[in-house]
Amino acid sequence: MSAVKVAISRLDEIGIPYERPSDYLAEMVKSDAHMARIKDRLLFEKKKMAAVEERKRKQLERKENKKSQVAHVQESHRAKREALQAIEALKKSESLDSVLFSCFRSFAWR
């Protein structure tokens, strides 16, 4: 670092320019056609990566939708099972109440 500072000070003393002029235009190493091909290739790769990400996102969505659908079906089965159990319990308790109810019904209609 110190050697560079010494060299810059000496170049300033001698009057040799060491910085690039502000209007300096460097010649391109690669042609415009070649740069266009590189740009097209980069855009193609970017689109390809976007498509891969979209497929992954849709696959995850399908998995989540399937999980929620399975959970919904299980919940409906559970509700149906509970309803059937409640009906069975009601039928069992109704067998005792049916005798009383039939007596009450026959008494009420007379």
C-alpha atoms as a PDB file:
ATOM      1  CA  MET A   1       0.000   0.000   0.000  1.00  0.00           C
ATOM      2  CA  SER A   2       2.850   2.351   0.844  1.00  0.00           C
ATOM      3  CA  ALA A   3       4.587   1.505  -2.453  1.00  0.00           C
ATOM      4  CA  VAL A   4       1.471   2.517  -4.382  1.00  0.00           C
ATOM      5  CA  LYS A   5       1.271   5.829  -2.529  1.00  0.00           C
ATOM      6  CA  VAL A   6       4.944   6.505  -3.324  1.00  0.00           C
ATOM      7  CA  ALA A   7       4.399   5.624  -6.992  1.00  0.00           C
ATOM      8  CA  ILE A   8       1.354   7.907  -7.259  1.00  0.00           C
ATOM      9  CA  SER A   9       3.235  10.818  -5.729  1.00  0.00           C
ATOM     10  CA  ARG A  10       6.183  10.302  -8.122  1.00  0.00           C
ATOM     11  CA  LEU A  11       3.873  10.077 -11.145  1.00  0.00           C
ATOM     12  CA  ASP A  12       2.259  13.340 -10.055  1.00  0.00           C
ATOM     13  CA  GLU A  13       5.718  14.991  -9.730  1.00  0.00           C
ATOM     14  CA  ILE A  14       6.767  13.828 -13.196  1.00  0.00           C
ATOM     15  CA  GLY A  15       3.380  14.734 -14.722  1.00  0.00           C
ATOM     16  CA  ILE A  16       2.471  11.298 -16.089  1.00  0.00           C
ATOM     17  CA  PRO A  17      -1.309  10.687 -16.003  1.00  0.00           C
ATOM     18  CA  TYR A  18      -2.252   7.462 -14.249  1.00  0.00           C
ATOM     19  CA  GLU A  19      -6.048   7.824 -14.106  1.00  0.00           C
ATOM     20  CA  ARG A  20      -8.404   7.035 -16.945  1.00  0.00           C
ATOM     21  CA  PRO A  21      -9.901  10.124 -18.637  1.00  0.00           C
ATOM     22  CA  SER A  22     -13.630  10.732 -18.047  1.00  0.00           C
ATOM     23  CA  ASP A  23     -14.435  10.478 -21.778  1.00  0.00           C
ATOM     24  CA  TYR A  24     -12.532   7.206 -22.202  1.00  0.00           C
ATOM     25  CA  LEU A  25     -14.489   4.465 -24.032  1.00  0.00           C
ATOM     26  CA  ALA A  26     -13.086   0.979 -23.856  1.00  0.00           C
ATOM     27  CA  GLU A  27     -13.553  -1.373 -26.770  1.00  0.00           C
ATOM     28  CA  MET A  28     -15.775  -4.341 -25.986  1.00  0.00           C
ATOM     29  CA  VAL A  29     -14.057  -7.696 -25.871  1.00  0.00           C
ATOM     30  CA  LYS A  30     -17.185  -9.495 -27.027  1.00  0.00           C
ATOM     31  CA  SER A  31     -19.385  -8.539 -29.943  1.00  0.00           C
ATOM     32  CA  ASP A  32     -22.948  -7.301 -29.540  1.00  0.00           C
ATOM     33  CA  ALA A  33     -24.289 -10.487 -31.148  1.00  0.00           C
ATOM     34  CA  HIS A  34     -22.403 -12.604 -28.640  1.00  0.00           C
ATOM     35  CA  MET A  35     -23.705 -10.490 -25.741  1.00  0.00           C
ATOM     36  CA  ALA A  36     -27.250 -10.860 -27.102  1.00  0.00           C
ATOM     37  CA  ARG A  37     -26.829 -14.635 -27.135  1.00  0.00           C
ATOM     38  CA  ILE A  38     -25.551 -14.549 -23.532  1.00  0.00           C
ATOM     39  CA  LYS A  39     -28.486 -12.376 -22.495  1.00  0.00           C
ATOM     40  CA  ASP A  40     -30.938 -14.747 -24.208  1.00  0.00           C
ATOM     41  CA  ARG A  41     -29.360 -17.714 -22.469  1.00  0.00           C
ATOM     42  CA  LEU A  42     -29.582 -15.981 -19.080  1.00  0.00           C
ATOM     43  CA  LEU A  43     -33.247 -15.107 -19.677  1.00  0.00           C
ATOM     44  CA  PHE A  44     -33.953 -18.711 -20.703  1.00  0.00           C
ATOM     45  CA  GLU A  45     -32.295 -20.002 -17.523  1.00  0.00           C
ATOM     46  CA  LYS A  46     -34.284 -17.521 -15.449  1.00  0.00           C
ATOM     47  CA  LYS A  47     -37.569 -18.647 -17.056  1.00  0.00           C
ATOM     48  CA  LYS A  48     -36.616 -22.282 -16.543  1.00  0.00           C
ATOM     49  CA  MET A  49     -35.918 -21.710 -12.844  1.00  0.00           C
ATOM     50  CA  ALA A  50     -39.228 -19.837 -12.501  1.00  0.00           C
ATOM     51  CA  ALA A  51     -41.054 -22.787 -14.087  1.00  0.00           C
ATOM     52  CA  VAL A  52     -39.354 -25.225 -11.692  1.00  0.00           C
ATOM     53  CA  GLU A  53     -40.300 -23.062  -8.712  1.00  0.00           C
ATOM     54  CA  GLU A  54     -43.901 -22.834  -9.973  1.00  0.00           C
ATOM     55  CA  ARG A  55     -44.104 -26.631 -10.301  1.00  0.00           C
ATOM     56  CA  LYS A  56     -42.766 -27.061  -6.761  1.00  0.00           C
ATOM     57  CA  ARG A  57     -45.270 -24.514  -5.432  1.00  0.00           C
ATOM     58  CA  LYS A  58     -48.177 -26.218  -7.201  1.00  0.00           C
ATOM     59  CA  GLN A  59     -47.055 -29.622  -5.918  1.00  0.00           C
ATOM     60  CA  LEU A  60     -46.975 -28.295  -2.357  1.00  0.00           C
ATOM     61  CA  GLU A  61     -50.425 -26.758  -2.884  1.00  0.00           C
ATOM     62  CA  ARG A  62     -51.769 -30.112  -4.089  1.00  0.00           C
ATOM     63  CA  LYS A  63     -50.307 -31.846  -1.022  1.00  0.00           C
ATOM     64  CA  GLU A  64     -51.820 -29.270   1.327  1.00  0.00           C
ATOM     65  CA  ASN A  65     -55.184 -29.459  -0.453  1.00  0.00           C
ATOM     66  CA  LYS A  66     -55.145 -33.238  -0.198  1.00  0.00           C
ATOM     67  CA  LYS A  67     -54.330 -33.062   3.527  1.00  0.00           C
ATOM     68  CA  SER A  68     -57.175 -30.627   4.142  1.00  0.00           C
ATOM     69  CA  GLN A  69     -59.551 -32.760   2.057  1.00  0.00           C
ATOM     70  CA  VAL A  70     -58.605 -35.890   4.040  1.00  0.00           C
ATOM     71  CA  ALA A  71     -59.100 -33.979   7.284  1.00  0.00           C
ATOM     72  CA  HIS A  72     -62.520 -32.780   6.086  1.00  0.00           C
ATOM     73  CA  VAL A  73     -63.571 -36.320   5.117  1.00  0.00           C
ATOM     74  CA  GLN A  74     -62.360 -37.670   8.464  1.00  0.00           C
ATOM     75  CA  GLU A  75     -64.294 -34.956  10.275  1.00  0.00           C
ATOM     76  CA  SER A  76     -67.475 -35.756   8.355  1.00  0.00           C
ATOM     77  CA  HIS A  77     -67.028 -39.476   9.087  1.00  0.00           C
ATOM     78  CA  ARG A  78     -66.511 -38.692  12.764  1.00  0.00           C
ATOM     79  CA  ALA A  79     -69.628 -36.517  12.844  1.00  0.00           C
ATOM     80  CA  LYS A  80     -71.647 -39.232  11.090  1.00  0.00           C
ATOM     81  CA  ARG A  81     -70.352 -41.861  13.502  1.00  0.00           C
ATOM     82  CA  GLU A  82     -71.270 -39.689  16.488  1.00  0.00           C
ATOM     83  CA  ALA A  83     -74.717 -39.041  15.037  1.00  0.00           C
ATOM     84  CA  LEU A  84     -75.293 -42.767  14.543  1.00  0.00           C
ATOM     85  CA  GLN A  85     -74.138 -43.463  18.091  1.00  0.00           C
ATOM     86  CA  ALA A  86     -76.501 -40.789  19.379  1.00  0.00           C
ATOM     87  CA  ILE A  87     -79.360 -42.337  17.409  1.00  0.00           C
ATOM     88  CA  GLU A  88     -78.549 -45.779  18.805  1.00  0.00           C
ATOM     89  CA  ALA A  89     -78.409 -44.373  22.325  1.00  0.00           C
ATOM     90  CA  LEU A  90     -81.712 -42.632  21.712  1.00  0.00           C
ATOM     91  CA  LYS A  91     -83.262 -45.869  20.436  1.00  0.00           C
ATOM     92  CA  LYS A  92     -82.076 -47.717  23.547  1.00  0.00           C
ATOM     93  CA  SER A  93     -83.413 -45.074  25.882  1.00  0.00           C
ATOM     94  CA  GLU A  94     -86.542 -44.806  23.752  1.00  0.00           C
ATOM     95  CA  SER A  95     -87.378 -48.459  24.341  1.00  0.00           C
ATOM     96  CA  LEU A  96     -87.969 -47.609  28.033  1.00  0.00           C
ATOM     97  CA  ASP A  97     -89.712 -44.363  27.225  1.00  0.00           C
ATOM     98  CA  SER A  98     -91.855 -45.897  24.482  1.00  0.00           C
ATOM     99  CA  VAL A  99     -93.868 -47.871  27.011  1.00  0.00           C
ATOM    100  CA  LEU A 100     -94.493 -44.746  29.061  1.00  0.00           C
ATOM    101  CA  PHE A 101     -95.181 -42.685  25.949  1.00  0.00           C
ATOM    102  CA  SER A 102     -97.635 -45.197  24.529  1.00  0.00           C
ATOM    103  CA  CYS A 103     -99.491 -45.233  27.838  1.00  0.00           C
ATOM    104  CA  PHE A 104     -99.536 -41.459  27.938  1.00  0.00           C
ATOM    105  CA  ARG A 105    -100.668 -41.253  24.306  1.00  0.00           C
ATOM    106  CA  SER A 106    -103.505 -43.673  24.842  1.00  0.00           C
ATOM    107  CA  PHE A 107    -104.526 -41.767  27.967  1.00  0.00           C
ATOM    108  CA  ALA A 108    -104.364 -38.392  26.215  1.00  0.00           C
ATOM    109  CA  TRP A 109    -106.616 -39.428  23.324  1.00  0.00           C
ATOM    110  CA  ARG A 110    -109.432 -40.770  25.419  1.00  0.00           C
END
